[in-house]
C-alpha atoms as a PDB file:
ATOM      1  CA  MET A   1     -96.577 -36.461  18.445  1.00  0.00           C
ATOM      2  CA  VAL A   2     -94.090 -39.224  18.605  1.00  0.00           C
ATOM      3  CA  THR A   3     -95.548 -41.123  15.889  1.00  0.00           C
ATOM      4  CA  ALA A   4     -95.429 -37.957  13.462  1.00  0.00           C
ATOM      5  CA  ALA A   5     -91.492 -37.332  14.204  1.00  0.00           C
ATOM      6  CA  LEU A   6     -90.959 -40.523  13.239  1.00  0.00           C
ATOM      7  CA  GLY A   7     -92.766 -40.756  10.138  1.00  0.00           C
ATOM      8  CA  LEU A   8     -90.817 -37.423   9.628  1.00  0.00           C
ATOM      9  CA  SER A   9     -87.755 -39.045  10.064  1.00  0.00           C
ATOM     10  CA  LEU A  10     -87.888 -42.086   7.911  1.00  0.00           C
ATOM     11  CA  LEU A  11     -89.634 -39.665   5.338  1.00  0.00           C
ATOM     12  CA  LEU A  12     -86.472 -38.025   5.553  1.00  0.00           C
ATOM     13  CA  ALA A  13     -83.795 -41.033   5.522  1.00  0.00           C
ATOM     14  CA  GLU A  14     -86.196 -42.605   1.788  1.00  0.00           C
ATOM     15  CA  ARG A  15     -85.386 -38.991   0.056  1.00  0.00           C
ATOM     16  CA  ALA A  16     -81.925 -39.223   1.311  1.00  0.00           C
ATOM     17  CA  GLU A  17     -81.961 -42.851  -0.032  1.00  0.00           C
ATOM     18  CA  ALA A  18     -83.038 -41.651  -3.425  1.00  0.00           C
ATOM     19  CA  ARG A  19     -80.549 -39.274  -4.065  1.00  0.00           C
ATOM     20  CA  LYS A  20     -78.209 -41.743  -4.350  1.00  0.00           C
ATOM     21  CA  TYR A  21     -79.553 -42.944  -7.333  1.00  0.00           C
ATOM     22  CA  PRO A  22     -81.199 -41.494 -10.404  1.00  0.00           C
ATOM     23  CA  ALA A  23     -84.373 -41.581 -11.633  1.00  0.00           C
ATOM     24  CA  PRO A  24     -85.011 -44.075 -14.241  1.00  0.00           C
ATOM     25  CA  LEU A  25     -86.079 -40.485 -16.909  1.00  0.00           C
ATOM     26  CA  ASP A  26     -83.418 -38.148 -14.994  1.00  0.00           C
ATOM     27  CA  ILE A  27     -81.265 -38.773 -18.257  1.00  0.00           C
ATOM     28  CA  PHE A  28     -79.531 -34.933 -17.720  1.00  0.00           C
ATOM     29  CA  GLY A  29     -79.279 -36.272 -14.261  1.00  0.00           C
ATOM     30  CA  LEU A  30     -81.271 -32.801 -13.179  1.00  0.00           C
ATOM     31  CA  GLY A  31     -83.127 -34.047  -9.684  1.00  0.00           C
ATOM     32  CA  THR A  32     -79.896 -36.241  -8.485  1.00  0.00           C
ATOM     33  CA  PRO A  33     -77.528 -33.365  -6.870  1.00  0.00           C
ATOM     34  CA  ARG A  34     -73.850 -34.813  -7.935  1.00  0.00           C
ATOM     35  CA  PRO A  35     -71.385 -36.085  -4.998  1.00  0.00           C
ATOM     36  CA  ARG A  36     -68.787 -33.289  -3.585  1.00  0.00           C
ATOM     37  CA  ALA A  37     -65.374 -34.275  -3.760  1.00  0.00           C
ATOM     38  CA  ALA A  38     -63.388 -35.092  -0.693  1.00  0.00           C
ATOM     39  CA  THR A  39     -61.838 -31.210   1.032  1.00  0.00           C
ATOM     40  CA  HIS A  40     -58.241 -31.279   2.327  1.00  0.00           C
ATOM     41  CA  THR A  41     -56.455 -28.366   4.253  1.00  0.00           C
ATOM     42  CA  ALA A  42     -53.247 -27.127   3.416  1.00  0.00           C
ATOM     43  CA  ARG A  43     -50.676 -26.015   6.155  1.00  0.00           C
ATOM     44  CA  ILE A  44     -49.742 -22.581   6.063  1.00  0.00           C
ATOM     45  CA  PRO A  45     -45.756 -22.579   7.285  1.00  0.00           C
ATOM     46  CA  LEU A  46     -45.085 -19.987  10.031  1.00  0.00           C
ATOM     47  CA  PRO A  47     -42.322 -17.436   8.997  1.00  0.00           C
ATOM     48  CA  ARG A  48     -38.979 -17.982  10.113  1.00  0.00           C
ATOM     49  CA  PRO A  49     -38.479 -16.521  14.226  1.00  0.00           C
ATOM     50  CA  ARG A  50     -36.131 -13.047  14.362  1.00  0.00           C
ATOM     51  CA  PRO A  51     -32.821 -13.382  15.297  1.00  0.00           C
ATOM     52  CA  ASP A  52     -31.811 -12.577  18.066  1.00  0.00           C
ATOM     53  CA  ALA A  53     -29.036 -10.674  16.827  1.00  0.00           C
ATOM     54  CA  ALA A  54     -31.267  -8.263  14.641  1.00  0.00           C
ATOM     55  CA  PRO A  55     -31.930  -4.901  16.005  1.00  0.00           C
ATOM     56  CA  LYS A  56     -35.321  -4.861  17.509  1.00  0.00           C
ATOM     57  CA  VAL A  57     -37.862  -2.982  15.907  1.00  0.00           C
ATOM     58  CA  PRO A  58     -39.416   0.279  17.885  1.00  0.00           C
ATOM     59  CA  GLY A  59     -43.011  -0.235  19.744  1.00  0.00           C
ATOM     60  CA  LYS A  60     -43.159  -4.317  18.263  1.00  0.00           C
ATOM     61  CA  ALA A  61     -42.988  -7.178  20.348  1.00  0.00           C
ATOM     62  CA  PRO A  62     -40.667  -9.783  19.947  1.00  0.00           C
ATOM     63  CA  VAL A  63     -42.359 -12.961  17.817  1.00  0.00           C
ATOM     64  CA  GLU A  64     -42.039 -16.029  19.616  1.00  0.00           C
ATOM     65  CA  ALA A  65     -41.026 -19.102  18.045  1.00  0.00           C
ATOM     66  CA  PRO A  66     -43.913 -21.612  17.581  1.00  0.00           C
ATOM     67  CA  PRO A  67     -44.209 -24.280  20.020  1.00  0.00           C
ATOM     68  CA  GLU A  68     -43.487 -27.027  16.789  1.00  0.00           C
ATOM     69  CA  ALA A  69     -40.248 -25.576  16.330  1.00  0.00           C
ATOM     70  CA  GLU A  70     -38.619 -25.674  19.334  1.00  0.00           C
ATOM     71  CA  GLY A  71     -35.442 -28.231  19.540  1.00  0.00           C
ATOM     72  CA  LYS A  72     -35.179 -28.488  16.094  1.00  0.00           C
ATOM     73  CA  PRO A  73     -32.159 -26.156  14.673  1.00  0.00           C
ATOM     74  CA  ALA A  74     -32.361 -23.191  11.653  1.00  0.00           C
ATOM     75  CA  PRO A  75     -31.092 -24.594   8.332  1.00  0.00           C
ATOM     76  CA  ASP A  76     -28.956 -21.871   8.537  1.00  0.00           C
ATOM     77  CA  LYS A  77     -27.531 -22.226  12.220  1.00  0.00           C
ATOM     78  CA  PRO A  78     -24.924 -25.292  13.044  1.00  0.00           C
ATOM     79  CA  GLY A  79     -25.943 -27.854  14.311  1.00  0.00           C
ATOM     80  CA  ALA A  80     -24.980 -31.245  16.237  1.00  0.00           C
ATOM     81  CA  ASP A  81     -24.298 -32.319  12.407  1.00  0.00           C
ATOM     82  CA  LYS A  82     -22.906 -28.927  10.740  1.00  0.00           C
ATOM     83  CA  PRO A  83     -20.376 -27.732  12.873  1.00  0.00           C
ATOM     84  CA  ALA A  84     -19.464 -23.878  12.947  1.00  0.00           C
ATOM     85  CA  GLU A  85     -17.130 -24.519  10.469  1.00  0.00           C
ATOM     86  CA  ALA A  86     -18.456 -25.541   7.877  1.00  0.00           C
ATOM     87  CA  ALA A  87     -21.373 -22.845   8.478  1.00  0.00           C
ATOM     88  CA  SER A  88     -19.263 -19.972   7.756  1.00  0.00           C
ATOM     89  CA  PRO A  89     -15.552 -20.836   6.189  1.00  0.00           C
ATOM     90  CA  GLN A  90     -12.582 -19.517   6.949  1.00  0.00           C
ATOM     91  CA  LYS A  91      -9.355 -18.057   6.297  1.00  0.00           C
ATOM     92  CA  PRO A  92      -6.415 -20.470   6.962  1.00  0.00           C
ATOM     93  CA  VAL A  93      -3.968 -18.911   9.204  1.00  0.00           C
ATOM     94  CA  SER A  94      -0.213 -18.258   7.380  1.00  0.00           C
ATOM     95  CA  ALA A  95       2.840 -19.225   9.208  1.00  0.00           C
ATOM     96  CA  CYS A  96       3.839 -16.045   9.504  1.00  0.00           C
ATOM     97  CA  ARG A  97       1.355 -15.184  11.289  1.00  0.00           C
ATOM     98  CA  LEU A  98       1.118 -17.996  13.929  1.00  0.00           C
ATOM     99  CA  ALA A  99       4.675 -16.802  14.345  1.00  0.00           C
ATOM    100  CA  LEU A 100       4.128 -13.164  14.612  1.00  0.00           C
ATOM    101  CA  THR A 101       3.439 -13.049  18.420  1.00  0.00           C
ATOM    102  CA  GLU A 102       2.440 -10.665  20.022  1.00  0.00           C
ATOM    103  CA  GLU A 103       6.050 -11.181  22.668  1.00  0.00           C
ATOM    104  CA  ILE A 104       8.155 -10.012  18.781  1.00  0.00           C
ATOM    105  CA  ALA A 105       5.398  -7.298  17.594  1.00  0.00           C
ATOM    106  CA  ILE A 106       2.551  -5.730  18.196  1.00  0.00           C
ATOM    107  CA  ALA A 107       0.834  -6.285  14.673  1.00  0.00           C
ATOM    108  CA  PRO A 108      -2.390  -6.358  14.005  1.00  0.00           C
ATOM    109  CA  SER A 109      -4.298  -8.539  11.135  1.00  0.00           C
ATOM    110  CA  ILE A 110      -6.110  -6.346   9.065  1.00  0.00           C
ATOM    111  CA  PRO A 111      -7.842  -7.292   5.972  1.00  0.00           C
ATOM    112  CA  ASP A 112      -6.357  -8.014   2.528  1.00  0.00           C
ATOM    113  CA  ILE A 113      -6.425  -4.703   0.436  1.00  0.00           C
ATOM    114  CA  ARG A 114      -7.508  -5.037  -3.577  1.00  0.00           C
ATOM    115  CA  GLY A 115      -6.834  -1.665  -4.516  1.00  0.00           C
ATOM    116  CA  PRO A 116      -6.475  -0.422  -9.262  1.00  0.00           C
ATOM    117  CA  GLY A 117      -4.010  -2.720 -11.289  1.00  0.00           C
ATOM    118  CA  ALA A 118      -2.125  -5.173  -8.893  1.00  0.00           C
ATOM    119  CA  CYS A 119      -1.931  -2.620  -6.245  1.00  0.00           C
ATOM    120  CA  GLY A 120      -3.058  -4.376  -1.968  1.00  0.00           C
ATOM    121  CA  GLY A 121      -2.033  -7.568  -1.087  1.00  0.00           C
ATOM    122  CA  GLU A 122      -2.919 -10.276   1.563  1.00  0.00           C
ATOM    123  CA  ASP A 123      -1.944 -11.844   5.025  1.00  0.00           C
ATOM    124  CA  LEU A 124      -1.609  -8.073   6.145  1.00  0.00           C
ATOM    125  CA  VAL A 125      -1.018  -6.289   9.428  1.00  0.00           C
ATOM    126  CA  ARG A 126      -0.356  -3.259  10.963  1.00  0.00           C
ATOM    127  CA  LEU A 127       2.725  -3.510  12.900  1.00  0.00           C
ATOM    128  CA  GLU A 128       2.137  -0.926  15.417  1.00  0.00           C
ATOM    129  CA  ALA A 129       5.697  -1.807  17.892  1.00  0.00           C
ATOM    130  CA  VAL A 130       8.452  -4.101  18.040  1.00  0.00           C
ATOM    131  CA  VAL A 131       8.659  -6.207  21.387  1.00  0.00           C
ATOM    132  CA  LEU A 132      12.699  -6.253  22.690  1.00  0.00           C
ATOM    133  CA  PRO A 133      13.589  -9.235  24.372  1.00  0.00           C
ATOM    134  CA  ASP A 134      13.620  -7.466  27.707  1.00  0.00           C
ATOM    135  CA  LYS A 135       9.743  -6.615  27.144  1.00  0.00           C
ATOM    136  CA  ARG A 136      10.537  -2.966  26.385  1.00  0.00           C
ATOM    137  CA  LYS A 137       8.224  -1.906  23.193  1.00  0.00           C
ATOM    138  CA  VAL A 138      10.050   0.369  20.028  1.00  0.00           C
ATOM    139  CA  THR A 139       7.021   2.075  18.813  1.00  0.00           C
ATOM    140  CA  VAL A 140       6.733   2.350  15.085  1.00  0.00           C
ATOM    141  CA  LYS A 141       5.980   5.987  14.409  1.00  0.00           C
ATOM    142  CA  PRO A 142       3.518   5.463  12.380  1.00  0.00           C
ATOM    143  CA  ALA A 143       2.396   2.581  12.853  1.00  0.00           C
ATOM    144  CA  ALA A 144       3.078   0.846   8.425  1.00  0.00           C
ATOM    145  CA  ILE A 145       0.886  -1.516   6.975  1.00  0.00           C
ATOM    146  CA  LEU A 146       2.984  -4.571   5.188  1.00  0.00           C
ATOM    147  CA  ARG A 147       2.669  -8.253   4.799  1.00  0.00           C
ATOM    148  CA  CYS A 148       3.337 -10.643   7.437  1.00  0.00           C
ATOM    149  CA  THR A 149       6.944 -11.301   6.061  1.00  0.00           C
ATOM    150  CA  MET A 150       8.326  -8.037   5.521  1.00  0.00           C
ATOM    151  CA  ALA A 151       6.805  -7.145   9.283  1.00  0.00           C
ATOM    152  CA  SER A 152       8.336 -10.238  10.383  1.00  0.00           C
ATOM    153  CA  ALA A 153      11.968  -9.016   8.767  1.00  0.00           C
ATOM    154  CA  ILE A 154      11.731  -6.131  10.030  1.00  0.00           C
ATOM    155  CA  ALA A 155      11.026  -7.221  13.634  1.00  0.00           C
ATOM    156  CA  ASP A 156      14.031  -9.427  13.247  1.00  0.00           C
ATOM    157  CA  TRP A 157      16.032  -6.484  12.477  1.00  0.00           C
ATOM    158  CA  LEU A 158      15.182  -4.079  15.125  1.00  0.00           C
ATOM    159  CA  ARG A 159      15.733  -7.362  17.181  1.00  0.00           C
ATOM    160  CA  LYS A 160      19.039  -8.762  16.545  1.00  0.00           C
ATOM    161  CA  ASP A 161      21.061  -5.913  15.030  1.00  0.00           C
ATOM    162  CA  MET A 162      20.010  -2.418  16.075  1.00  0.00           C
ATOM    163  CA  VAL A 163      19.709  -3.982  19.533  1.00  0.00           C
ATOM    164  CA  PRO A 164      22.732  -4.968  20.097  1.00  0.00           C
ATOM    165  CA  LEU A 165      24.211  -1.613  17.935  1.00  0.00           C
ATOM    166  CA  ALA A 166      22.578   0.344  20.365  1.00  0.00           C
ATOM    167  CA  THR A 167      24.165  -1.168  23.278  1.00  0.00           C
ATOM    168  CA  SER A 168      27.814  -0.462  22.176  1.00  0.00           C
ATOM    169  CA  LEU A 169      26.630   2.977  22.255  1.00  0.00           C
ATOM    170  CA  GLY A 170      25.261   2.535  25.843  1.00  0.00           C
ATOM    171  CA  THR A 171      21.891   2.956  25.578  1.00  0.00           C
ATOM    172  CA  THR A 172      18.709   0.535  23.918  1.00  0.00           C
ATOM    173  CA  ILE A 173      16.829   1.712  21.002  1.00  0.00           C
ATOM    174  CA  GLY A 174      13.203   3.457  21.579  1.00  0.00           C
ATOM    175  CA  GLU A 175      11.525   4.580  18.098  1.00  0.00           C
ATOM    176  CA  LEU A 176      11.583   4.285  14.364  1.00  0.00           C
ATOM    177  CA  ASP A 177      10.801   6.783  12.029  1.00  0.00           C
ATOM    178  CA  ASN A 178       8.355   5.336   9.400  1.00  0.00           C
ATOM    179  CA  PHE A 179       9.077   7.167   6.389  1.00  0.00           C
ATOM    180  CA  ASP A 180       6.179   5.388   3.995  1.00  0.00           C
ATOM    181  CA  SER A 181       4.924   1.696   3.974  1.00  0.00           C
ATOM    182  CA  PHE A 182       1.371   0.808   2.085  1.00  0.00           C
ATOM    183  CA  GLU A 183       1.155   3.204  -0.898  1.00  0.00           C
ATOM    184  CA  CYS A 184      -0.675   2.201  -4.220  1.00  0.00           C
ATOM    185  CA  ARG A 185       1.559   4.048  -6.762  1.00  0.00           C
ATOM    186  CA  GLY A 186       4.332   3.093  -9.058  1.00  0.00           C
ATOM    187  CA  ARG A 187       7.850   3.169  -8.656  1.00  0.00           C
ATOM    188  CA  ASN A 188       9.662   6.805  -7.109  1.00  0.00           C
ATOM    189  CA  ARG A 189       5.601   8.198  -7.638  1.00  0.00           C
ATOM    190  CA  VAL A 190       6.737   8.579 -11.882  1.00  0.00           C
ATOM    191  CA  ALA A 191       3.658   8.234 -13.930  1.00  0.00           C
ATOM    192  CA  GLY A 192       3.309   5.176 -16.138  1.00  0.00           C
ATOM    193  CA  ALA A 193       6.557   3.307 -13.432  1.00  0.00           C
ATOM    194  CA  LEU A 194       6.377  -0.476 -12.726  1.00  0.00           C
ATOM    195  CA  LEU A 195       4.131  -0.862  -9.926  1.00  0.00           C
ATOM    196  CA  SER A 196       6.600  -0.032  -6.955  1.00  0.00           C
ATOM    197  CA  GLU A 197       6.977  -2.538  -4.057  1.00  0.00           C
ATOM    198  CA  HIS A 198       5.476   0.295  -1.966  1.00  0.00           C
ATOM    199  CA  GLY A 199       2.004  -0.577  -4.044  1.00  0.00           C
ATOM    200  CA  LYS A 200       2.089  -4.264  -2.813  1.00  0.00           C
ATOM    201  CA  ALA A 201       3.100  -3.229   1.088  1.00  0.00           C
ATOM    202  CA  ASN A 202       6.018  -5.471   0.939  1.00  0.00           C
ATOM    203  CA  ALA A 203       9.002  -2.124   1.744  1.00  0.00           C
ATOM    204  CA  LEU A 204       9.738  -0.508   4.482  1.00  0.00           C
ATOM    205  CA  ASP A 205      11.690   3.438   4.437  1.00  0.00           C
ATOM    206  CA  VAL A 206      13.263   3.901   7.823  1.00  0.00           C
ATOM    207  CA  ARG A 207      14.922   7.855   8.434  1.00  0.00           C
ATOM    208  CA  GLY A 208      16.320   7.257  11.866  1.00  0.00           C
ATOM    209  CA  ILE A 209      16.264   5.096  14.411  1.00  0.00           C
ATOM    210  CA  LYS A 210      15.509   6.924  17.989  1.00  0.00           C
ATOM    211  CA  LEU A 211      17.669   5.956  21.225  1.00  0.00           C
ATOM    212  CA  ALA A 212      16.403   5.803  24.305  1.00  0.00           C
ATOM    213  CA  ASN A 213      18.463   8.285  25.374  1.00  0.00           C
ATOM    214  CA  GLY A 214      17.560  10.771  23.430  1.00  0.00           C
ATOM    215  CA  GLN A 215      19.722  10.712  20.692  1.00  0.00           C
ATOM    216  CA  SER A 216      18.954   9.001  17.187  1.00  0.00           C
ATOM    217  CA  ILE A 217      21.186   7.093  14.110  1.00  0.00           C
ATOM    218  CA  GLY A 218      19.458   9.184  11.176  1.00  0.00           C
ATOM    219  CA  LEU A 219      21.273   6.761   8.944  1.00  0.00           C
ATOM    220  CA  THR A 220      22.064   9.433   5.737  1.00  0.00           C
ATOM    221  CA  ASP A 221      22.929  11.593   8.718  1.00  0.00           C
ATOM    222  CA  ARG A 222      26.616  12.646   7.981  1.00  0.00           C
ATOM    223  CA  THR A 223      27.068  13.805  11.223  1.00  0.00           C
ATOM    224  CA  MET A 224      26.720  10.325  12.664  1.00  0.00           C
ATOM    225  CA  PRO A 225      30.872   8.431  12.958  1.00  0.00           C
ATOM    226  CA  ARG A 226      31.332   6.549   9.446  1.00  0.00           C
ATOM    227  CA  GLU A 227      31.278   2.981  11.473  1.00  0.00           C
ATOM    228  CA  VAL A 228      28.246   3.124  12.793  1.00  0.00           C
ATOM    229  CA  ARG A 229      26.080   3.612   9.595  1.00  0.00           C
ATOM    230  CA  GLU A 230      28.026   0.812   8.101  1.00  0.00           C
ATOM    231  CA  ARG A 231      27.345  -1.377  10.515  1.00  0.00           C
ATOM    232  CA  VAL A 232      23.187  -0.168   9.584  1.00  0.00           C
ATOM    233  CA  LEU A 233      24.414  -1.097   5.564  1.00  0.00           C
ATOM    234  CA  HIS A 234      25.385  -3.873   6.286  1.00  0.00           C
ATOM    235  CA  SER A 235      22.463  -6.076   8.451  1.00  0.00           C
ATOM    236  CA  VAL A 236      19.885  -4.319   5.954  1.00  0.00           C
ATOM    237  CA  CYS A 237      22.034  -6.146   3.344  1.00  0.00           C
ATOM    238  CA  THR A 238      22.123  -9.003   4.793  1.00  0.00           C
ATOM    239  CA  ARG A 239      18.154  -9.107   5.511  1.00  0.00           C
ATOM    240  CA  PHE A 240      16.725  -7.766   2.683  1.00  0.00           C
ATOM    241  CA  SER A 241      16.709  -7.746  -0.810  1.00  0.00           C
ATOM    242  CA  THR A 242      16.820  -4.404  -1.710  1.00  0.00           C
ATOM    243  CA  VAL A 243      18.209  -1.321  -0.114  1.00  0.00           C
ATOM    244  CA  LEU A 244      17.922   2.157  -1.681  1.00  0.00           C
ATOM    245  CA  GLY A 245      19.966   5.022  -0.301  1.00  0.00           C
ATOM    246  CA  PRO A 246      22.199   7.930  -1.181  1.00  0.00           C
ATOM    247  CA  GLY A 247      23.828   7.357  -4.468  1.00  0.00           C
ATOM    248  CA  SER A 248      21.424   5.264  -6.238  1.00  0.00           C
ATOM    249  CA  ASP A 249      19.299   7.930  -7.466  1.00  0.00           C
ATOM    250  CA  TRP A 250      18.304  11.168  -6.126  1.00  0.00           C
ATOM    251  CA  TYR A 251      14.775  10.088  -4.989  1.00  0.00           C
ATOM    252  CA  HIS A 252      16.613   8.045  -1.974  1.00  0.00           C
ATOM    253  CA  GLU A 253      18.655  10.200  -0.414  1.00  0.00           C
ATOM    254  CA  ASP A 254      16.764  11.152   2.828  1.00  0.00           C
ATOM    255  CA  HIS A 255      15.955   7.700   3.576  1.00  0.00           C
ATOM    256  CA  ILE A 256      16.734   4.187   3.385  1.00  0.00           C
ATOM    257  CA  HIS A 257      14.278   2.384   1.333  1.00  0.00           C
ATOM    258  CA  LEU A 258      14.017  -1.717   1.717  1.00  0.00           C
ATOM    259  CA  ASP A 259      12.119  -3.970   0.448  1.00  0.00           C
ATOM    260  CA  LEU A 260      11.775  -8.264  -0.551  1.00  0.00           C
ATOM    261  CA  ALA A 261      10.857  -7.822  -3.564  1.00  0.00           C
ATOM    262  CA  GLN A 262      11.337 -11.149  -5.394  1.00  0.00           C
ATOM    263  CA  ARG A 263      13.811 -11.719  -8.274  1.00  0.00           C
ATOM    264  CA  ARG A 264      15.247 -14.288 -10.409  1.00  0.00           C
ATOM    265  CA  ASN A 265      18.148 -16.287  -9.300  1.00  0.00           C
ATOM    266  CA  ASP A 266      17.667 -14.287  -5.608  1.00  0.00           C
ATOM    267  CA  TYR A 267      19.351 -11.363  -7.417  1.00  0.00           C
ATOM    268  CA  ARG A 268      19.879  -8.791  -4.735  1.00  0.00           C
ATOM    269  CA  ILE A 269      20.230  -4.952  -4.535  1.00  0.00           C
ATOM    270  CA  CYS A 270      22.611  -3.068  -2.659  1.00  0.00           C
ATOM    271  CA  GLN A 271      23.037   0.621  -3.783  1.00  0.00           C
ATOM    272  CA  TRP A 272      23.798   3.002  -0.366  1.00  0.00           C
ATOM    273  CA  ASN A 273      26.739   4.773  -0.220  1.00  0.00           C
ATOM    274  CA  VAL A 274      28.129   6.048   3.585  1.00  0.00           C
ATOM    275  CA  TRP A 275      29.303   9.666   2.626  1.00  0.00           C
ATOM    276  CA  ASP A 276      32.339  10.797   4.487  1.00  0.00           C
ATOM    277  CA  PRO A 277      31.060  14.007   7.001  1.00  0.00           C
ATOM    278  CA  LEU A 278      31.433  17.510   6.190  1.00  0.00           C
ATOM    279  CA  PRO A 279      33.930  20.070   6.798  1.00  0.00           C
ATOM    280  CA  GLN A 280      33.599  21.951   9.750  1.00  0.00           C
ATOM    281  CA  ILE A 281      34.331  25.644   7.914  1.00  0.00           C
ATOM    282  CA  ALA A 282      34.190  25.830   4.595  1.00  0.00           C
ATOM    283  CA  PRO A 283      36.914  27.331   2.331  1.00  0.00           C
ATOM    284  CA  LEU A 284      35.782  30.208   1.423  1.00  0.00           C
ATOM    285  CA  LEU A 285      39.401  31.102  -1.490  1.00  0.00           C
ATOM    286  CA  PRO A 286      40.872  28.756  -3.296  1.00  0.00           C
ATOM    287  CA  ALA A 287      44.281  27.214  -2.046  1.00  0.00           C
ATOM    288  CA  GLU A 288      47.743  29.672  -3.068  1.00  0.00           C
ATOM    289  CA  ARG A 289      48.598  28.841  -6.452  1.00  0.00           C
ATOM    290  CA  PRO A 290      52.401  26.321  -6.056  1.00  0.00           C
ATOM    291  CA  GLU A 291      55.236  27.596  -6.637  1.00  0.00           C
ATOM    292  CA  GLU A 292      56.500  25.251  -8.891  1.00  0.00           C
ATOM    293  CA  ALA A 293      53.846  24.793 -10.957  1.00  0.00           C
ATOM    294  CA  PRO A 294      53.724  26.638 -14.921  1.00  0.00           C
ATOM    295  CA  PRO A 295      53.664  30.124 -15.236  1.00  0.00           C
ATOM    296  CA  ARG A 296      50.028  30.534 -16.367  1.00  0.00           C
ATOM    297  CA  GLU A 297      49.734  30.921 -20.750  1.00  0.00           C
ATOM    298  CA  VAL A 298      49.341  34.809 -21.724  1.00  0.00           C
ATOM    299  CA  ALA A 299      45.412  35.287 -22.723  1.00  0.00           C
ATOM    300  CA  ALA A 300      45.269  34.714 -26.282  1.00  0.00           C
ATOM    301  CA  LYS A 301      43.716  38.093 -27.890  1.00  0.00           C
ATOM    302  CA  PRO A 302      40.236  38.147 -28.983  1.00  0.00           C
ATOM    303  CA  GLU A 303      39.441  36.714 -32.409  1.00  0.00           C
ATOM    304  CA  THR A 304      38.080  39.082 -35.158  1.00  0.00           C
ATOM    305  CA  ARG A 305      34.075  38.014 -35.783  1.00  0.00           C
ATOM    306  CA  GLU A 306      33.149  35.558 -37.522  1.00  0.00           C
ATOM    307  CA  GLY A 307      32.048  36.379 -41.740  1.00  0.00           C
ATOM    308  CA  ALA A 308      34.003  39.968 -41.446  1.00  0.00           C
ATOM    309  CA  ASP A 309      35.038  40.278 -44.738  1.00  0.00           C
ATOM    310  CA  GLU A 310      38.970  41.021 -44.256  1.00  0.00           C
ATOM    311  CA  GLU A 311      38.787  43.702 -46.814  1.00  0.00           C
ATOM    312  CA  THR A 312      37.452  46.261 -43.482  1.00  0.00           C
ATOM    313  CA  LYS A 313      40.568  45.566 -42.031  1.00  0.00           C
ATOM    314  CA  LYS A 314      42.088  49.028 -41.834  1.00  0.00           C
ATOM    315  CA  ALA A 315      45.869  49.336 -43.450  1.00  0.00           C
ATOM    316  CA  PRO A 316      48.463  50.414 -41.449  1.00  0.00           C
ATOM    317  CA  ALA A 317      48.949  54.371 -43.272  1.00  0.00           C
ATOM    318  CA  PRO A 318      51.990  54.589 -45.104  1.00  0.00           C
ATOM    319  CA  ALA A 319      54.623  56.710 -44.084  1.00  0.00           C
ATOM    320  CA  GLU A 320      54.920  60.694 -44.362  1.00  0.00           C
ATOM    321  CA  LYS A 321      56.659  61.708 -46.650  1.00  0.00           C
ATOM    322  CA  PRO A 322      58.729  64.928 -45.769  1.00  0.00           C
ATOM    323  CA  ALA A 323      57.445  67.783 -47.239  1.00  0.00           C
ATOM    324  CA  THR A 324      59.997  69.675 -49.756  1.00  0.00           C
ATOM    325  CA  GLU A 325      60.090  73.347 -51.234  1.00  0.00           C
ATOM    326  CA  GLY A 326      57.494  73.875 -54.136  1.00  0.00           C
ATOM    327  CA  SER A 327      55.215  71.138 -53.366  1.00  0.00           C
ATOM    328  CA  LYS A 328      52.061  71.492 -52.298  1.00  0.00           C
ATOM    329  CA  SER A 329      50.272  68.936 -49.578  1.00  0.00           C
ATOM    330  CA  GLN A 330      47.179  67.245 -50.287  1.00  0.00           C
ATOM    331  CA  PRO A 331      44.508  66.029 -48.056  1.00  0.00           C
ATOM    332  CA  HIS A 332      44.595  62.088 -47.106  1.00  0.00           C
ATOM    333  CA  LYS A 333      41.431  60.933 -48.598  1.00  0.00           C
ATOM    334  CA  PRO A 334      40.258  57.522 -46.754  1.00  0.00           C
ATOM    335  CA  ALA A 335      40.136  54.585 -48.108  1.00  0.00           C
ATOM    336  CA  THR A 336      36.818  53.301 -50.233  1.00  0.00           C
ATOM    337  CA  LYS A 337      35.295  49.818 -50.144  1.00  0.00           C
ATOM    338  CA  LYS A 338      35.035  48.682 -53.526  1.00  0.00           C
ATOM    339  CA  ARG A 339      31.560  47.533 -54.246  1.00  0.00           C
ATOM    340  CA  ARG A 340      30.537  43.926 -55.909  1.00  0.00           C
END
């Protein structure tokens, strides 16, 4: 048995050795098999691990990251050599936004608005309240959508001008009556007009300021003392580039328009007439005519109709002759109109 096994192994080894060299008469190489090319195993990449912030799929267990990927930051995540600022660049904060802190106004930032045409703007805030130096809050109702620079100007106007005015009246301010702020429209809502500063979030319409004692300063109210309204007029015309009120046009008879429009050579517009109070009792009848006035002329007689033919005027009737004896009375014939 051992001899047979040894002989069989030698025979197989000879045949394997013979396969390496083709037979002399095997021209086409049919008897000798061709050597196979070496095979290379390809490495199939695994999918990225599911982010932690992604919603979980119901009924599916979370997929764990492969061991070889542990400790290596993903290409889209910030690592040691890639800071977070470079991964997600953020818009730089403006100087106005840094200055408009919560100690001055409650005005959270909102995204930029890109409306039709040139409507909208950048660096926008929602002005909800103005914080006074004594930490009291002046609510803006409703909240105004404004540019940061316009919101800062409103806050400074209330804190530095309106607070002393209310103090002189024995109270303080409590609420700002916002009539209109951002609105994508033309000037005075006229079709085809130039874009209003309201469409740029650079204007505010104010009707009045409510005081803490329940009263209010109506900016166009004639019953308010003229001195109070004139103080408000001088303050807004100093701080804002455009002020429109009663007397400017009939669109601003019940409110005051304020904006920070930029014009050539820093040109400013201040059109607000402070009207005098109306009389308490309106006169029912006109005043009597003074005695020294000249007498009124006698009313002239109405003229004849235009184009009337003068021949149609009746001539005065001739004086009747006295009847004489023997003369017969003849009937009077009316005048007839000549035909042309």
